[in-house]
Protein backbone atom coordinates (compact mmCIF):
# COMPACT_ATOMS: atom_id res chain seq x y z
CA MET A 1 0.05 -0.01 -0.05
CA ALA A 2 2.80 2.50 0.85
CA ALA A 3 4.62 1.67 -2.20
CA ALA A 4 1.62 2.34 -4.37
CA LEU A 5 0.75 5.54 -2.63
CA ALA A 6 4.47 6.71 -3.26
CA ALA A 7 4.35 5.99 -6.97
CA SER A 8 0.93 7.61 -7.32
CA ALA A 9 2.25 10.73 -5.69
CA ALA A 10 5.41 10.72 -7.48
CA ALA A 11 3.48 10.57 -10.94
CA ALA A 12 1.25 13.46 -9.97
CA LEU A 13 4.17 15.70 -8.87
CA LEU A 14 5.82 15.00 -12.05
CA LEU A 15 2.72 15.92 -14.17
CA LEU A 16 2.28 19.03 -12.35
CA ALA A 17 5.80 20.07 -12.30
CA PRO A 18 6.79 23.22 -14.56
CA PRO A 19 9.98 23.06 -16.71
CA ALA A 20 13.06 23.52 -14.77
CA ALA A 21 16.77 23.31 -15.15
CA SER A 22 18.24 19.81 -14.39
CA ALA A 23 21.01 19.68 -11.92
CA ARG A 24 21.97 16.03 -11.59
CA GLU A 25 25.82 15.82 -11.66
CA GLY A 26 28.24 16.47 -9.09
CA LEU A 27 27.76 16.57 -5.20
CA PHE A 28 24.38 16.79 -3.61
CA MET A 29 22.87 16.57 -0.08
CA GLY A 30 19.36 16.76 1.36
CA LEU A 31 17.24 16.53 4.30
CA GLY A 32 13.72 15.58 4.90
CA ALA A 33 11.15 13.37 6.79
CA SER A 34 11.05 9.56 6.83
CA GLN A 35 8.47 6.85 7.87
CA GLN A 36 9.67 3.35 8.62
CA GLU A 37 7.90 0.13 9.57
CA VAL A 38 9.00 -3.41 10.36
CA VAL A 39 7.00 -5.50 7.87
CA SER A 40 8.15 -8.96 9.24
CA GLY A 41 10.66 -10.72 11.36
CA ILE A 42 9.91 -9.07 14.75
CA ASP A 43 6.52 -10.27 16.05
CA GLY A 44 6.81 -9.14 19.66
CA ASN A 45 6.95 -12.72 21.09
CA ARG A 46 10.64 -13.22 21.30
CA ALA A 47 13.03 -12.53 24.33
CA VAL A 48 16.78 -13.00 23.75
CA ASP A 49 18.67 -14.41 26.88
CA ASN A 50 22.33 -14.05 27.64
CA ASP A 51 23.06 -17.71 28.24
CA GLY A 52 21.37 -20.79 26.73
CA GLY A 53 22.18 -22.99 29.85
CA SER A 54 21.42 -20.61 32.81
CA PRO A 55 20.42 -17.16 31.73
CA THR A 56 20.58 -14.34 34.17
CA ASN A 57 19.15 -11.46 31.82
CA GLU A 58 16.78 -11.24 28.84
CA VAL A 59 16.11 -8.52 26.33
CA ARG A 60 12.60 -8.48 25.31
CA MET A 61 11.88 -7.57 21.49
CA GLY A 62 8.75 -5.60 21.23
CA LYS A 63 7.10 -5.46 17.75
CA PRO A 64 7.64 -1.82 16.49
CA GLU A 65 4.61 0.06 15.19
CA SER A 66 5.15 2.37 12.25
CA GLY A 67 7.16 5.39 13.19
CA ARG A 68 8.31 8.79 11.78
CA GLY A 69 11.41 10.75 11.99
CA VAL A 70 14.18 12.41 9.84
CA ALA A 71 16.01 11.37 6.56
CA PHE A 72 19.40 12.56 5.26
CA ASP A 73 20.84 12.02 1.83
CA ALA A 74 24.11 12.79 0.32
CA GLY A 75 25.98 11.58 -2.82
CA PHE A 76 27.69 12.27 -6.05
CA GLY A 77 26.17 12.27 -9.30
CA LEU A 78 28.41 10.79 -12.01
CA ASN A 79 26.14 11.83 -14.93
CA ASP A 80 22.33 12.25 -15.49
CA ASN A 81 21.75 8.60 -15.05
CA VAL A 82 24.05 7.23 -12.18
CA ALA A 83 24.76 8.42 -8.73
CA LEU A 84 26.58 7.01 -5.73
CA GLU A 85 24.54 7.58 -2.68
CA LEU A 86 24.25 7.47 1.20
CA LEU A 87 20.58 7.39 2.56
CA LEU A 88 19.98 7.65 6.36
CA SER A 89 16.71 7.46 8.12
CA VAL A 90 16.19 7.53 11.89
CA THR A 91 12.65 6.95 13.32
CA ARG A 92 11.00 6.69 16.78
CA HIS A 93 8.59 3.76 17.41
CA ASN A 94 6.27 2.39 20.08
CA THR A 95 6.77 -1.32 20.52
CA VAL A 96 4.55 -4.12 22.04
CA PHE A 97 6.08 -7.27 23.77
CA ASP A 98 3.13 -9.60 24.09
CA PRO A 99 3.81 -13.50 24.63
CA ASN A 100 1.29 -15.47 26.35
CA ALA A 101 -0.88 -12.26 26.89
CA THR A 102 1.79 -10.55 29.01
CA ARG A 103 1.72 -7.19 27.33
CA GLN A 104 4.65 -4.70 27.65
CA SER A 105 5.45 -1.60 25.83
CA PHE A 106 8.78 -0.09 25.10
CA ASP A 107 10.06 2.91 23.17
CA ALA A 108 12.57 2.26 20.36
CA THR A 109 14.47 4.03 17.61
CA LEU A 110 15.05 2.43 14.32
CA SER A 111 18.12 3.61 12.17
CA SER A 112 18.73 2.48 8.62
CA VAL A 113 21.64 3.63 6.35
CA LEU A 114 22.06 2.62 2.82
CA PHE A 115 25.23 2.81 0.77
CA GLY A 116 24.47 2.25 -2.78
CA VAL A 117 23.84 3.28 -6.29
CA LYS A 118 20.99 5.17 -7.78
CA LEU A 119 19.97 4.78 -11.48
CA GLY A 120 17.87 7.43 -12.88
CA VAL A 121 15.98 8.02 -16.16
CA PRO A 122 15.37 11.69 -16.87
CA LEU A 123 11.86 13.03 -17.87
CA GLY A 124 12.70 16.05 -19.96
CA GLN A 125 14.13 18.86 -17.72
CA ALA A 126 11.54 18.69 -15.08
CA GLY A 127 12.60 15.43 -13.13
CA GLU A 128 13.55 11.74 -13.18
CA VAL A 129 12.30 8.40 -12.08
CA PHE A 130 14.92 6.06 -10.47
CA VAL A 131 15.66 2.88 -8.79
CA ARG A 132 18.34 2.49 -6.07
CA GLY A 133 19.98 -0.51 -4.31
CA GLY A 134 22.92 -1.23 -2.18
CA LEU A 135 24.24 -2.57 1.10
CA GLY A 136 22.55 -1.50 4.41
CA GLY A 137 23.40 -1.07 8.14
CA TYR A 138 20.70 -1.23 10.62
CA GLU A 139 20.03 -0.62 14.43
CA LEU A 140 17.07 -1.10 16.53
CA ALA A 141 17.57 0.54 20.00
CA TYR A 142 15.14 -0.17 22.72
CA ARG A 143 14.63 1.62 26.11
CA ARG A 144 14.37 -0.27 29.35
CA ASN A 145 13.87 -3.80 27.88
CA ASN A 146 16.72 -5.71 29.48
CA PHE A 147 15.39 -7.66 32.59
CA ASP A 148 17.05 -9.40 35.40
CA LEU A 149 15.37 -12.81 35.63
CA GLY A 150 16.19 -13.16 39.21
CA THR A 151 14.60 -9.89 40.43
CA SER A 152 12.29 -9.03 37.21
CA GLN A 153 13.73 -5.59 37.30
CA VAL A 154 14.91 -3.58 34.40
CA VAL A 155 18.57 -3.15 34.33
CA ASP A 156 19.43 -1.71 30.94
CA ASP A 157 18.50 -0.62 27.54
CA SER A 158 19.52 -2.62 24.38
CA ARG A 159 20.62 -2.10 20.84
CA PHE A 160 20.31 -4.84 18.06
CA SER A 161 22.45 -4.17 14.98
CA GLY A 162 23.23 -5.85 11.73
CA ARG A 163 23.73 -5.71 7.94
CA GLY A 164 21.76 -6.43 5.00
CA TYR A 165 20.55 -5.04 1.54
CA SER A 166 18.00 -2.53 0.12
CA LEU A 167 16.05 -1.96 -3.07
CA GLY A 168 13.83 0.89 -3.71
CA VAL A 169 12.18 3.16 -6.38
CA GLY A 170 11.43 6.88 -6.42
CA SER A 171 11.03 10.06 -8.38
CA GLU A 172 12.43 13.60 -8.08
CA LEU A 173 11.44 16.91 -9.47
CA PHE A 174 14.30 19.55 -10.15
CA PHE A 175 13.88 23.32 -9.64
CA GLY A 176 17.29 24.71 -10.64
CA HIS A 177 19.88 23.42 -7.99
CA TRP A 178 17.11 22.10 -5.82
CA GLY A 179 15.14 18.66 -5.96
CA LEU A 180 12.11 17.27 -4.41
CA GLN A 181 12.30 13.60 -3.98
CA LEU A 182 9.88 11.10 -2.90
CA ALA A 183 11.08 7.29 -2.60
CA TYR A 184 10.21 4.04 -1.05
CA ASN A 185 12.78 1.40 -0.05
CA THR A 186 12.49 -2.19 1.09
CA HIS A 187 15.25 -3.51 3.42
CA LYS A 188 16.33 -7.05 4.32
CA ALA A 189 18.19 -6.79 7.40
CA ASP A 190 20.09 -9.61 9.34
CA LEU A 191 20.34 -8.46 13.02
CA GLY A 192 23.02 -10.50 14.47
CA THR A 193 24.57 -8.32 17.48
CA VAL A 194 22.92 -7.27 20.73
CA GLN A 195 24.59 -4.79 22.94
CA SER A 196 23.41 -4.64 26.58
CA ARG A 197 24.36 -5.36 30.31
CA GLY A 198 25.13 -9.09 30.63
CA PHE A 199 25.34 -9.81 26.98
CA SER A 200 28.36 -11.03 25.08
CA GLY A 201 27.15 -9.57 21.70
CA GLN A 202 26.06 -12.30 19.54
CA VAL A 203 22.29 -13.27 18.85
CA MET A 204 21.67 -16.88 18.17
CA PRO A 205 19.75 -17.30 15.83
CA SER A 206 20.05 -13.97 14.31
CA ILE A 207 16.88 -11.95 13.56
CA ASP A 208 15.97 -11.77 9.91
CA ALA A 209 13.80 -8.66 9.41
CA THR A 210 12.02 -6.95 6.48
CA LEU A 211 11.80 -3.12 6.98
CA SER A 212 10.18 -0.51 4.70
CA THR A 213 11.12 3.21 4.37
CA LEU A 214 9.16 6.04 2.81
CA SER A 215 11.07 9.28 2.54
CA VAL A 216 10.50 12.67 1.22
CA LEU A 217 13.56 14.79 0.80
CA ILE A 218 14.70 18.22 -0.31
CA ASN A 219 18.07 17.82 -1.92
CA PHE A 220 20.59 20.54 -3.00
CA TYR A 221 22.85 19.99 -6.01
CA LEU A 222 26.19 21.85 -5.85
CA GLN A 223 26.61 22.28 -9.69
């Protein structure tokens, strides 16, 4: 649904845009808004303990609801069609942990960073449509979800991190050196590390999560 809405909005923007000078080559950077969602892989029923034999602590992984935040974009356009790019999104989420009807809520922050390539097709001088893809880095940071199993007390926050890849589509309107970009990305993330009190770092088995990112950016092209 989000991808369809993004594509429809992008098409409408391109149809309404006045002719403008294209500025796609060289350095660019942008700032905007982002909405992220955990599509699958974190269902709110898993707790990760720090020792398979006799655990002393567990971190409880709440399922993140859709969250909003900021997006940052930077890169270098090699020509009108190819750009090297970094795309960062950081969003805040409410999460729900609910195994066996034992419901708890935790705040969380989801960060995704994509290092990749953007391949664009110019639509006259007014804009372009593009696909992007590349390698991703991901972090899901929870607040107050590490519990001491002996006392049932909260002892720490936790951060899950890992790598993966991302593919996406989008469009951009150009107004001189400025661009208005709307894009949608799907991420496949392998979260294999946890940082928290009492944990050695590795998650076994790792968490395979599918994420989505919808971003709206205002870019500035330096040439």
